[in-house]
C-alpha atoms as a PDB file:
ATOM      1  CA  MET A   1      87.179  86.971  58.578  1.00  0.00           C
ATOM      2  CA  GLU A   2      90.526  85.254  59.007  1.00  0.00           C
ATOM      3  CA  SER A   3      91.676  87.796  61.604  1.00  0.00           C
ATOM      4  CA  ASN A   4      88.706  86.799  63.752  1.00  0.00           C
ATOM      5  CA  LEU A   5      89.063  83.027  63.532  1.00  0.00           C
ATOM      6  CA  SER A   6      88.584  81.014  66.705  1.00  0.00           C
ATOM      7  CA  PRO A   7      91.598  79.217  68.160  1.00  0.00           C
ATOM      8  CA  VAL A   8      91.456  75.418  68.300  1.00  0.00           C
ATOM      9  CA  VAL A   9      92.345  73.607  71.514  1.00  0.00           C
ATOM     10  CA  LEU A  10      93.322  69.948  71.194  1.00  0.00           C
ATOM     11  CA  PHE A  11      93.543  67.561  74.166  1.00  0.00           C
ATOM     12  CA  VAL A  12      95.893  64.612  73.762  1.00  0.00           C
ATOM     13  CA  PHE A  13      97.236  61.712  75.819  1.00  0.00           C
ATOM     14  CA  ASN A  14      98.878  58.365  75.161  1.00  0.00           C
ATOM     15  CA  ARG A  15      97.434  57.706  71.676  1.00  0.00           C
ATOM     16  CA  PRO A  16     100.003  58.612  69.003  1.00  0.00           C
ATOM     17  CA  GLU A  17      98.184  56.935  66.104  1.00  0.00           C
ATOM     18  CA  HIS A  18      94.841  58.523  66.940  1.00  0.00           C
ATOM     19  CA  THR A  19      96.511  61.895  67.458  1.00  0.00           C
ATOM     20  CA  ALA A  20      98.387  61.706  64.141  1.00  0.00           C
ATOM     21  CA  ASP A  21      95.157  60.956  62.271  1.00  0.00           C
ATOM     22  CA  THR A  22      93.396  63.857  64.001  1.00  0.00           C
ATOM     23  CA  LEU A  23      96.246  66.240  63.188  1.00  0.00           C
ATOM     24  CA  ASN A  24      96.380  65.208  59.532  1.00  0.00           C
ATOM     25  CA  SER A  25      92.655  65.770  59.086  1.00  0.00           C
ATOM     26  CA  LEU A  26      92.772  69.107  60.904  1.00  0.00           C
ATOM     27  CA  LYS A  27      95.682  70.320  58.771  1.00  0.00           C
ATOM     28  CA  ASP A  28      93.632  69.515  55.661  1.00  0.00           C
ATOM     29  CA  SER A  29      90.655  71.491  56.951  1.00  0.00           C
ATOM     30  CA  PHE A  30      89.977  74.769  55.156  1.00  0.00           C
ATOM     31  CA  LEU A  31      91.268  77.759  57.229  1.00  0.00           C
ATOM     32  CA  ALA A  32      93.814  75.629  59.163  1.00  0.00           C
ATOM     33  CA  GLU A  33      96.756  77.769  58.008  1.00  0.00           C
ATOM     34  CA  SER A  34      95.079  80.826  59.547  1.00  0.00           C
ATOM     35  CA  THR A  35      94.203  79.071  62.820  1.00  0.00           C
ATOM     36  CA  ASP A  36      96.084  79.097  66.125  1.00  0.00           C
ATOM     37  CA  LEU A  37      96.378  75.587  67.609  1.00  0.00           C
ATOM     38  CA  PHE A  38      96.769  75.063  71.364  1.00  0.00           C
ATOM     39  CA  VAL A  39      97.569  71.573  72.646  1.00  0.00           C
ATOM     40  CA  PHE A  40      97.242  70.230  76.193  1.00  0.00           C
ATOM     41  CA  CYS A  41      98.931  66.918  76.863  1.00  0.00           C
ATOM     42  CA  ASP A  42      98.336  65.175  80.183  1.00  0.00           C
ATOM     43  CA  LYS A  43     101.157  63.429  82.032  1.00  0.00           C
ATOM     44  CA  PRO A  44     101.041  59.675  82.771  1.00  0.00           C
ATOM     45  CA  ARG A  45     100.620  58.558  86.367  1.00  0.00           C
ATOM     46  CA  HIS A  46     103.570  56.981  88.159  1.00  0.00           C
ATOM     47  CA  SER A  47     101.690  53.683  88.078  1.00  0.00           C
ATOM     48  CA  ASP A  48     101.172  53.762  84.294  1.00  0.00           C
ATOM     49  CA  SER A  49     103.095  51.262  82.202  1.00  0.00           C
ATOM     50  CA  ASN A  50     106.278  52.058  80.338  1.00  0.00           C
ATOM     51  CA  ASP A  51     104.351  51.575  77.083  1.00  0.00           C
ATOM     52  CA  CYS A  52     101.925  54.284  78.153  1.00  0.00           C
ATOM     53  CA  LYS A  53     104.773  56.672  78.952  1.00  0.00           C
ATOM     54  CA  GLN A  54     106.499  55.893  75.665  1.00  0.00           C
ATOM     55  CA  ASN A  55     103.270  56.442  73.742  1.00  0.00           C
ATOM     56  CA  ASN A  56     102.822  59.791  75.424  1.00  0.00           C
ATOM     57  CA  ASN A  57     106.332  60.827  74.432  1.00  0.00           C
ATOM     58  CA  GLU A  58     105.490  59.879  70.851  1.00  0.00           C
ATOM     59  CA  VAL A  59     102.390  62.075  71.066  1.00  0.00           C
ATOM     60  CA  ILE A  60     104.466  65.044  72.236  1.00  0.00           C
ATOM     61  CA  ASN A  61     106.978  64.499  69.418  1.00  0.00           C
ATOM     62  CA  LEU A  62     104.183  64.871  66.855  1.00  0.00           C
ATOM     63  CA  PHE A  63     104.016  68.573  67.658  1.00  0.00           C
ATOM     64  CA  LYS A  64     107.713  69.332  67.308  1.00  0.00           C
ATOM     65  CA  ASN A  65     108.227  71.499  64.207  1.00  0.00           C
ATOM     66  CA  LEU A  66     104.562  71.016  63.290  1.00  0.00           C
ATOM     67  CA  SER A  67     103.486  73.190  60.367  1.00  0.00           C
ATOM     68  CA  GLY A  68     100.149  73.798  58.683  1.00  0.00           C
ATOM     69  CA  PHE A  69      98.717  76.201  61.268  1.00  0.00           C
ATOM     70  CA  ARG A  70      99.131  79.879  61.998  1.00  0.00           C
ATOM     71  CA  SER A  71     100.810  78.946  65.276  1.00  0.00           C
ATOM     72  CA  VAL A  72     101.215  75.861  67.461  1.00  0.00           C
ATOM     73  CA  SER A  73     101.546  75.937  71.253  1.00  0.00           C
ATOM     74  CA  ILE A  74     101.809  72.800  73.400  1.00  0.00           C
ATOM     75  CA  ASN A  75     101.349  72.606  77.164  1.00  0.00           C
ATOM     76  CA  VAL A  76     102.605  69.356  78.724  1.00  0.00           C
ATOM     77  CA  ARG A  77     101.187  68.883  82.213  1.00  0.00           C
ATOM     78  CA  GLU A  78     103.770  68.483  84.977  1.00  0.00           C
ATOM     79  CA  THR A  79     101.452  66.142  86.913  1.00  0.00           C
ATOM     80  CA  ASN A  80      98.603  63.852  85.912  1.00  0.00           C
ATOM     81  CA  TYR A  81      95.402  65.888  85.688  1.00  0.00           C
ATOM     82  CA  GLY A  82      93.029  63.216  84.411  1.00  0.00           C
ATOM     83  CA  LEU A  83      90.652  63.728  81.513  1.00  0.00           C
ATOM     84  CA  SER A  84      88.077  65.992  83.142  1.00  0.00           C
ATOM     85  CA  LYS A  85      90.484  68.351  84.905  1.00  0.00           C
ATOM     86  CA  ASN A  86      92.792  68.581  81.888  1.00  0.00           C
ATOM     87  CA  ILE A  87      89.961  69.634  79.580  1.00  0.00           C
ATOM     88  CA  ILE A  88      88.232  72.032  81.976  1.00  0.00           C
ATOM     89  CA  HIS A  89      91.470  73.772  82.968  1.00  0.00           C
ATOM     90  CA  GLY A  90      92.658  73.884  79.370  1.00  0.00           C
ATOM     91  CA  ILE A  91      89.481  75.580  78.179  1.00  0.00           C
ATOM     92  CA  ASP A  92      89.697  77.952  81.147  1.00  0.00           C
ATOM     93  CA  ASP A  93      93.211  78.932  80.051  1.00  0.00           C
ATOM     94  CA  ILE A  94      92.239  79.596  76.432  1.00  0.00           C
ATOM     95  CA  LEU A  95      89.099  81.550  77.308  1.00  0.00           C
ATOM     96  CA  ASN A  96      91.118  83.759  79.629  1.00  0.00           C
ATOM     97  CA  LYS A  97      92.808  85.021  76.440  1.00  0.00           C
ATOM     98  CA  TYR A  98      90.125  84.593  73.759  1.00  0.00           C
ATOM     99  CA  ASP A  99      86.379  85.163  73.497  1.00  0.00           C
ATOM    100  CA  LYS A 100      85.666  81.812  71.834  1.00  0.00           C
ATOM    101  CA  VAL A 101      87.208  78.396  71.320  1.00  0.00           C
ATOM    102  CA  ILE A 102      86.871  75.268  69.177  1.00  0.00           C
ATOM    103  CA  VAL A 103      87.529  72.073  71.139  1.00  0.00           C
ATOM    104  CA  LEU A 104      88.816  68.725  69.866  1.00  0.00           C
ATOM    105  CA  GLU A 105      90.152  65.562  71.447  1.00  0.00           C
ATOM    106  CA  ASP A 106      92.735  63.224  69.963  1.00  0.00           C
ATOM    107  CA  ASP A 107      90.245  60.825  68.376  1.00  0.00           C
ATOM    108  CA  MET A 108      88.364  63.194  66.076  1.00  0.00           C
ATOM    109  CA  ILE A 109      88.824  62.973  62.293  1.00  0.00           C
ATOM    110  CA  VAL A 110      87.408  66.191  60.883  1.00  0.00           C
ATOM    111  CA  SER A 111      86.237  67.051  57.387  1.00  0.00           C
ATOM    112  CA  LYS A 112      87.850  69.788  55.306  1.00  0.00           C
ATOM    113  CA  TYR A 113      84.884  72.073  56.062  1.00  0.00           C
ATOM    114  CA  PHE A 114      84.964  71.551  59.834  1.00  0.00           C
ATOM    115  CA  LEU A 115      86.748  74.799  60.705  1.00  0.00           C
ATOM    116  CA  LYS A 116      84.651  76.862  58.318  1.00  0.00           C
ATOM    117  CA  TYR A 117      81.408  75.519  59.778  1.00  0.00           C
ATOM    118  CA  MET A 118      82.582  76.148  63.329  1.00  0.00           C
ATOM    119  CA  ASN A 119      83.769  79.696  62.655  1.00  0.00           C
ATOM    120  CA  ASP A 120      80.681  80.589  60.626  1.00  0.00           C
ATOM    121  CA  ALA A 121      78.380  79.349  63.403  1.00  0.00           C
ATOM    122  CA  LEU A 122      80.387  81.054  66.150  1.00  0.00           C
ATOM    123  CA  SER A 123      80.164  84.353  64.284  1.00  0.00           C
ATOM    124  CA  LEU A 124      76.486  84.035  63.396  1.00  0.00           C
ATOM    125  CA  TYR A 125      75.220  83.165  66.888  1.00  0.00           C
ATOM    126  CA  GLU A 126      77.788  85.066  68.941  1.00  0.00           C
ATOM    127  CA  LYS A 127      75.265  87.570  70.301  1.00  0.00           C
ATOM    128  CA  ASP A 128      72.346  85.159  70.634  1.00  0.00           C
ATOM    129  CA  ASP A 129      71.813  84.595  74.356  1.00  0.00           C
ATOM    130  CA  ASP A 130      69.910  81.339  73.770  1.00  0.00           C
ATOM    131  CA  VAL A 131      72.822  79.613  72.012  1.00  0.00           C
ATOM    132  CA  ALA A 132      75.770  78.409  74.091  1.00  0.00           C
ATOM    133  CA  CYS A 133      77.350  75.581  72.065  1.00  0.00           C
ATOM    134  CA  ILE A 134      78.156  74.590  68.475  1.00  0.00           C
ATOM    135  CA  HIS A 135      78.551  70.893  67.635  1.00  0.00           C
ATOM    136  CA  ALA A 136      80.004  69.154  64.573  1.00  0.00           C
ATOM    137  CA  TRP A 137      79.008  65.494  65.020  1.00  0.00           C
ATOM    138  CA  ASN A 138      75.665  63.868  64.327  1.00  0.00           C
ATOM    139  CA  TYR A 139      74.244  60.386  63.850  1.00  0.00           C
ATOM    140  CA  SER A 140      74.381  59.058  60.300  1.00  0.00           C
ATOM    141  CA  TYR A 141      70.859  57.691  60.194  1.00  0.00           C
ATOM    142  CA  PHE A 142      69.103  61.009  59.680  1.00  0.00           C
ATOM    143  CA  LYS A 143      68.073  60.931  56.018  1.00  0.00           C
ATOM    144  CA  LEU A 144      65.625  63.790  55.976  1.00  0.00           C
ATOM    145  CA  ASP A 145      64.765  66.141  53.153  1.00  0.00           C
ATOM    146  CA  GLN A 146      65.707  69.344  54.921  1.00  0.00           C
ATOM    147  CA  SER A 147      66.141  72.745  53.298  1.00  0.00           C
ATOM    148  CA  ILE A 148      68.389  73.975  56.143  1.00  0.00           C
ATOM    149  CA  ASP A 149      71.586  72.239  57.183  1.00  0.00           C
ATOM    150  CA  THR A 150      71.405  72.794  60.960  1.00  0.00           C
ATOM    151  CA  PHE A 151      69.072  72.327  63.932  1.00  0.00           C
ATOM    152  CA  PHE A 152      68.985  72.960  67.705  1.00  0.00           C
ATOM    153  CA  LEU A 153      68.718  70.764  70.793  1.00  0.00           C
ATOM    154  CA  PRO A 154      68.758  71.831  74.459  1.00  0.00           C
ATOM    155  CA  GLY A 155      72.029  71.561  76.373  1.00  0.00           C
ATOM    156  CA  GLY A 156      75.530  70.982  75.071  1.00  0.00           C
ATOM    157  CA  ASP A 157      77.724  68.301  73.506  1.00  0.00           C
ATOM    158  CA  CYS A 158      81.337  67.204  73.296  1.00  0.00           C
ATOM    159  CA  TRP A 159      82.424  65.488  70.042  1.00  0.00           C
ATOM    160  CA  GLY A 160      83.979  68.386  68.175  1.00  0.00           C
ATOM    161  CA  TRP A 161      82.373  71.488  69.626  1.00  0.00           C
ATOM    162  CA  ALA A 162      82.796  75.202  70.229  1.00  0.00           C
ATOM    163  CA  THR A 163      81.628  77.845  72.660  1.00  0.00           C
ATOM    164  CA  TRP A 164      82.144  81.420  73.826  1.00  0.00           C
ATOM    165  CA  LYS A 165      83.668  82.745  77.039  1.00  0.00           C
ATOM    166  CA  ASN A 166      80.305  83.980  78.358  1.00  0.00           C
ATOM    167  CA  SER A 167      78.712  80.584  77.742  1.00  0.00           C
ATOM    168  CA  TRP A 168      81.547  78.636  79.384  1.00  0.00           C
ATOM    169  CA  ASN A 169      80.845  80.644  82.545  1.00  0.00           C
ATOM    170  CA  PHE A 170      77.614  78.643  82.911  1.00  0.00           C
ATOM    171  CA  LEU A 171      79.593  75.466  83.655  1.00  0.00           C
ATOM    172  CA  ASP A 172      78.804  74.175  87.148  1.00  0.00           C
ATOM    173  CA  ARG A 173      81.649  71.889  88.197  1.00  0.00           C
ATOM    174  CA  SER A 174      79.713  70.142  90.977  1.00  0.00           C
ATOM    175  CA  SER A 175      77.874  67.014  89.823  1.00  0.00           C
ATOM    176  CA  CYS A 176      75.944  66.789  93.101  1.00  0.00           C
ATOM    177  CA  ARG A 177      74.695  70.351  92.833  1.00  0.00           C
ATOM    178  CA  LEU A 178      73.702  69.797  89.218  1.00  0.00           C
ATOM    179  CA  LEU A 179      71.720  66.681  90.144  1.00  0.00           C
ATOM    180  CA  LEU A 180      69.783  68.538  92.842  1.00  0.00           C
ATOM    181  CA  LYS A 181      69.032  71.437  90.513  1.00  0.00           C
ATOM    182  CA  LEU A 182      67.837  69.120  87.745  1.00  0.00           C
ATOM    183  CA  MET A 183      65.480  67.432  90.210  1.00  0.00           C
ATOM    184  CA  PHE A 184      64.102  70.597  91.803  1.00  0.00           C
ATOM    185  CA  LYS A 185      63.692  72.409  88.483  1.00  0.00           C
ATOM    186  CA  ASN A 186      62.019  69.355  86.900  1.00  0.00           C
ATOM    187  CA  LYS A 187      64.596  69.201  84.105  1.00  0.00           C
ATOM    188  CA  ILE A 188      65.340  65.469  84.074  1.00  0.00           C
ATOM    189  CA  PHE A 189      63.202  64.825  80.991  1.00  0.00           C
ATOM    190  CA  VAL A 190      64.954  67.551  78.975  1.00  0.00           C
ATOM    191  CA  PHE A 191      68.333  66.500  80.350  1.00  0.00           C
ATOM    192  CA  ASN A 192      67.634  62.967  79.051  1.00  0.00           C
ATOM    193  CA  ARG A 193      66.767  64.380  75.639  1.00  0.00           C
ATOM    194  CA  ASN A 194      63.087  63.543  76.050  1.00  0.00           C
ATOM    195  CA  ASN A 195      64.105  60.156  77.477  1.00  0.00           C
ATOM    196  CA  THR A 196      65.826  59.047  74.290  1.00  0.00           C
ATOM    197  CA  VAL A 197      69.090  58.688  76.233  1.00  0.00           C
ATOM    198  CA  SER A 198      69.915  58.102  79.888  1.00  0.00           C
ATOM    199  CA  ASN A 199      72.123  61.087  80.633  1.00  0.00           C
ATOM    200  CA  ILE A 200      71.042  60.871  84.254  1.00  0.00           C
ATOM    201  CA  ASP A 201      72.989  57.598  84.521  1.00  0.00           C
ATOM    202  CA  LEU A 202      76.129  59.354  83.336  1.00  0.00           C
ATOM    203  CA  LEU A 203      75.682  62.099  85.902  1.00  0.00           C
ATOM    204  CA  LEU A 204      75.044  59.611  88.722  1.00  0.00           C
ATOM    205  CA  ASN A 205      78.080  57.587  87.667  1.00  0.00           C
ATOM    206  CA  ASN A 206      80.077  60.801  87.734  1.00  0.00           C
ATOM    207  CA  ILE A 207      78.945  61.467  91.297  1.00  0.00           C
ATOM    208  CA  PHE A 208      79.922  57.961  92.405  1.00  0.00           C
ATOM    209  CA  GLY A 209      83.279  58.143  90.628  1.00  0.00           C
ATOM    210  CA  TYR A 210      82.528  55.575  87.928  1.00  0.00           C
ATOM    211  CA  ASN A 211      83.409  58.014  85.140  1.00  0.00           C
ATOM    212  CA  ASP A 212      85.441  61.195  84.777  1.00  0.00           C
ATOM    213  CA  SER A 213      83.063  63.081  82.514  1.00  0.00           C
ATOM    214  CA  TRP A 214      83.272  66.851  82.273  1.00  0.00           C
ATOM    215  CA  ALA A 215      80.864  66.713  79.320  1.00  0.00           C
ATOM    216  CA  ILE A 216      77.845  65.525  81.317  1.00  0.00           C
ATOM    217  CA  ARG A 217      78.303  68.507  83.637  1.00  0.00           C
ATOM    218  CA  TRP A 218      78.551  70.828  80.642  1.00  0.00           C
ATOM    219  CA  HIS A 219      75.321  69.427  79.198  1.00  0.00           C
ATOM    220  CA  ALA A 220      73.520  69.644  82.553  1.00  0.00           C
ATOM    221  CA  SER A 221      74.702  73.198  83.138  1.00  0.00           C
ATOM    222  CA  LEU A 222      73.350  74.376  79.803  1.00  0.00           C
ATOM    223  CA  VAL A 223      70.036  72.542  80.238  1.00  0.00           C
ATOM    224  CA  LEU A 224      69.554  74.244  83.611  1.00  0.00           C
ATOM    225  CA  ASN A 225      70.203  77.633  82.024  1.00  0.00           C
ATOM    226  CA  ASN A 226      67.835  76.973  79.092  1.00  0.00           C
ATOM    227  CA  LYS A 227      70.638  77.125  76.524  1.00  0.00           C
ATOM    228  CA  TYR A 228      70.801  75.390  73.152  1.00  0.00           C
ATOM    229  CA  CYS A 229      73.392  73.664  70.994  1.00  0.00           C
ATOM    230  CA  LEU A 230      73.541  73.936  67.199  1.00  0.00           C
ATOM    231  CA  TYR A 231      73.967  70.654  65.273  1.00  0.00           C
ATOM    232  CA  PRO A 232      74.598  69.848  61.596  1.00  0.00           C
ATOM    233  CA  TYR A 233      72.322  67.405  59.776  1.00  0.00           C
ATOM    234  CA  ARG A 234      75.451  65.924  58.201  1.00  0.00           C
ATOM    235  CA  SER A 235      78.318  65.118  60.541  1.00  0.00           C
ATOM    236  CA  LEU A 236      81.596  66.947  59.986  1.00  0.00           C
ATOM    237  CA  LEU A 237      83.773  64.556  61.952  1.00  0.00           C
ATOM    238  CA  TYR A 238      84.347  60.902  62.733  1.00  0.00           C
ATOM    239  CA  ASN A 239      85.114  59.583  66.224  1.00  0.00           C
ATOM    240  CA  THR A 240      87.875  56.950  66.170  1.00  0.00           C
ATOM    241  CA  GLY A 241      87.906  56.560  69.958  1.00  0.00           C
ATOM    242  CA  LEU A 242      85.080  54.037  70.139  1.00  0.00           C
ATOM    243  CA  ASP A 243      87.660  51.250  70.276  1.00  0.00           C
ATOM    244  CA  SER A 244      88.091  51.218  74.072  1.00  0.00           C
ATOM    245  CA  SER A 245      91.235  53.365  73.800  1.00  0.00           C
ATOM    246  CA  GLY A 246      89.576  56.379  75.413  1.00  0.00           C
ATOM    247  CA  THR A 247      88.788  57.114  79.043  1.00  0.00           C
ATOM    248  CA  ASN A 248      84.987  57.179  78.882  1.00  0.00           C
ATOM    249  CA  CYS A 249      84.231  55.329  75.620  1.00  0.00           C
ATOM    250  CA  ILE A 250      83.505  51.632  75.285  1.00  0.00           C
ATOM    251  CA  ASN A 251      84.087  49.500  72.207  1.00  0.00           C
ATOM    252  CA  ILE A 252      80.934  49.981  70.147  1.00  0.00           C
ATOM    253  CA  ASN A 253      80.043  49.717  66.493  1.00  0.00           C
ATOM    254  CA  LEU A 254      78.449  53.043  65.636  1.00  0.00           C
ATOM    255  CA  LYS A 255      77.729  53.936  62.046  1.00  0.00           C
ATOM    256  CA  GLN A 256      79.469  57.200  61.238  1.00  0.00           C
ATOM    257  CA  ASP A 257      79.628  59.157  57.985  1.00  0.00           C
ATOM    258  CA  VAL A 258      81.585  62.345  57.413  1.00  0.00           C
ATOM    259  CA  SER A 259      80.253  64.884  54.957  1.00  0.00           C
ATOM    260  CA  ASN A 260      82.772  66.307  52.486  1.00  0.00           C
ATOM    261  CA  LEU A 261      80.308  69.014  51.523  1.00  0.00           C
ATOM    262  CA  PRO A 262      80.202  72.458  53.119  1.00  0.00           C
ATOM    263  CA  ILE A 263      77.518  73.243  55.673  1.00  0.00           C
ATOM    264  CA  GLU A 264      75.585  76.407  54.905  1.00  0.00           C
ATOM    265  CA  VAL A 265      75.153  78.060  58.292  1.00  0.00           C
ATOM    266  CA  GLN A 266      72.028  80.215  58.201  1.00  0.00           C
ATOM    267  CA  ARG A 267      70.201  81.802  61.084  1.00  0.00           C
ATOM    268  CA  ILE A 268      67.308  79.606  62.167  1.00  0.00           C
ATOM    269  CA  LYS A 269      64.860  79.836  65.045  1.00  0.00           C
ATOM    270  CA  VAL A 270      66.363  78.659  68.335  1.00  0.00           C
ATOM    271  CA  VAL A 271      63.855  75.985  69.373  1.00  0.00           C
ATOM    272  CA  ASP A 272      63.957  72.337  70.340  1.00  0.00           C
ATOM    273  CA  SER A 273      63.853  70.142  67.216  1.00  0.00           C
ATOM    274  CA  GLU A 274      61.069  67.750  68.154  1.00  0.00           C
ATOM    275  CA  TRP A 275      61.566  65.622  65.033  1.00  0.00           C
ATOM    276  CA  TYR A 276      64.977  64.572  66.383  1.00  0.00           C
ATOM    277  CA  TYR A 277      63.591  62.387  69.159  1.00  0.00           C
ATOM    278  CA  GLU A 278      61.237  60.548  66.841  1.00  0.00           C
ATOM    279  CA  GLN A 279      64.049  59.934  64.363  1.00  0.00           C
ATOM    280  CA  TYR A 280      66.374  58.780  67.134  1.00  0.00           C
ATOM    281  CA  ASN A 281      63.869  56.212  68.375  1.00  0.00           C
ATOM    282  CA  LEU A 282      62.981  55.165  64.856  1.00  0.00           C
ATOM    283  CA  PHE A 283      66.497  54.472  63.623  1.00  0.00           C
ATOM    284  CA  ASN A 284      68.497  53.665  66.717  1.00  0.00           C
ATOM    285  CA  GLU A 285      68.969  49.904  67.045  1.00  0.00           C
ATOM    286  CA  GLU A 286      69.129  50.004  70.836  1.00  0.00           C
ATOM    287  CA  ILE A 287      66.396  52.348  72.002  1.00  0.00           C
ATOM    288  CA  HIS A 288      67.065  53.341  75.587  1.00  0.00           C
ATOM    289  CA  LYS A 289      64.250  52.329  77.911  1.00  0.00           C
ATOM    290  CA  ILE A 290      64.582  54.475  81.009  1.00  0.00           C
ATOM    291  CA  ASN A 291      63.025  53.927  84.389  1.00  0.00           C
ATOM    292  CA  THR A 292      64.348  57.086  85.990  1.00  0.00           C
ATOM    293  CA  ILE A 293      62.260  56.941  89.171  1.00  0.00           C
ATOM    294  CA  TRP A 294      63.566  53.560  90.311  1.00  0.00           C
ATOM    295  CA  LYS A 295      67.119  54.477  89.401  1.00  0.00           C
ATOM    296  CA  PHE A 296      66.808  57.607  91.501  1.00  0.00           C
ATOM    297  CA  LEU A 297      65.419  55.671  94.453  1.00  0.00           C
ATOM    298  CA  PHE A 298      68.117  53.018  94.303  1.00  0.00           C
ATOM    299  CA  LEU A 299      71.108  55.269  93.641  1.00  0.00           C
ATOM    300  CA  GLY A 300      69.722  58.037  95.844  1.00  0.00           C
ATOM    301  CA  PHE A 301      69.522  55.608  98.766  1.00  0.00           C
ATOM    302  CA  HIS A 302      73.173  54.653  98.341  1.00  0.00           C
ATOM    303  CA  PHE A 303      74.168  58.301  97.931  1.00  0.00           C
ATOM    304  CA  ILE A 304      72.429  59.316 101.179  1.00  0.00           C
ATOM    305  CA  LYS A 305      73.822  56.255 102.963  1.00  0.00           C
ATOM    306  CA  GLN A 306      77.326  57.190 101.842  1.00  0.00           C
ATOM    307  CA  LYS A 307      76.928  60.790 103.019  1.00  0.00           C
ATOM    308  CA  LEU A 308      75.522  59.693 106.392  1.00  0.00           C
ATOM    309  CA  LYS A 309      78.450  57.333 106.869  1.00  0.00           C
ATOM    310  CA  ILE A 310      80.906  60.166 106.230  1.00  0.00           C
ATOM    311  CA  TYR A 311      78.965  62.447 108.631  1.00  0.00           C
ATOM    312  CA  ILE A 312      78.904  59.810 111.376  1.00  0.00           C
ATOM    313  CA  ASN A 313      82.628  59.107 110.986  1.00  0.00           C
ATOM    314  CA  THR A 314      83.567  62.798 111.140  1.00  0.00           C
ATOM    315  CA  SER A 315      81.242  63.391 114.134  1.00  0.00           C
ATOM    316  CA  ASN A 316      82.914  60.619 116.098  1.00  0.00           C
END
């Protein structure tokens, strides 16, 4: 199996302490010594502070003479890409050489069974056309008596995940086009995970430039293509970026537990896990109440107004 292990791609920028913690946990993960690690480090903008630039240099230094992996390759961007472009282009580069990839960012603390779970799932579902994504994180409030360790939800996810080259080809990089397709194909409800979360807000904010999320486009693309993501009942990583240090994460107090037990990846039926939505609403302290229609009317009006203004200006 070790000759067929997936490479790991790690995206880093400006957070040496977070990155060091991620690296230490990844090195302790079973199969790390047989895994190729590829690192993409973004470059600070000219306007960034000297502290930011110094921090980024410290991040780069972490990978000098790094051991514990089969190989380590670091790509330092010559210009500032930004979060979304850095990740999308980095995954493009890896999947031009490999058939599959495991993706991490610099604020993920993984368990020692993270790599085994990812590689087992990638191998098991590699030829299943319905499955496009493997995920390693899950909420800690699911305390169900389940005989199987994994379940499926529509779409994709981004906190410690993996995919195949053929699946990555489904990514539509245009937020506007994705929004129109979701509306015309009546996929908003599924996209919002049965209205348990307001993913449509994230996509609209992406269109208006309020966030730089590649992940919401990945999720939308897979929903539109009727693809599923595999999740563990017990999370295999911990996100340390919920401290306002990341680009798209706010400072929130989210209960997170990391399982130190192996996940037994068995083939299960690829269907939407309806119990998930009930459990989410039951245990989540802030249940999202969504009024999608009015949000569409309000934001859609401003979107059309903005486009008309551009058209009028260019016509004159």
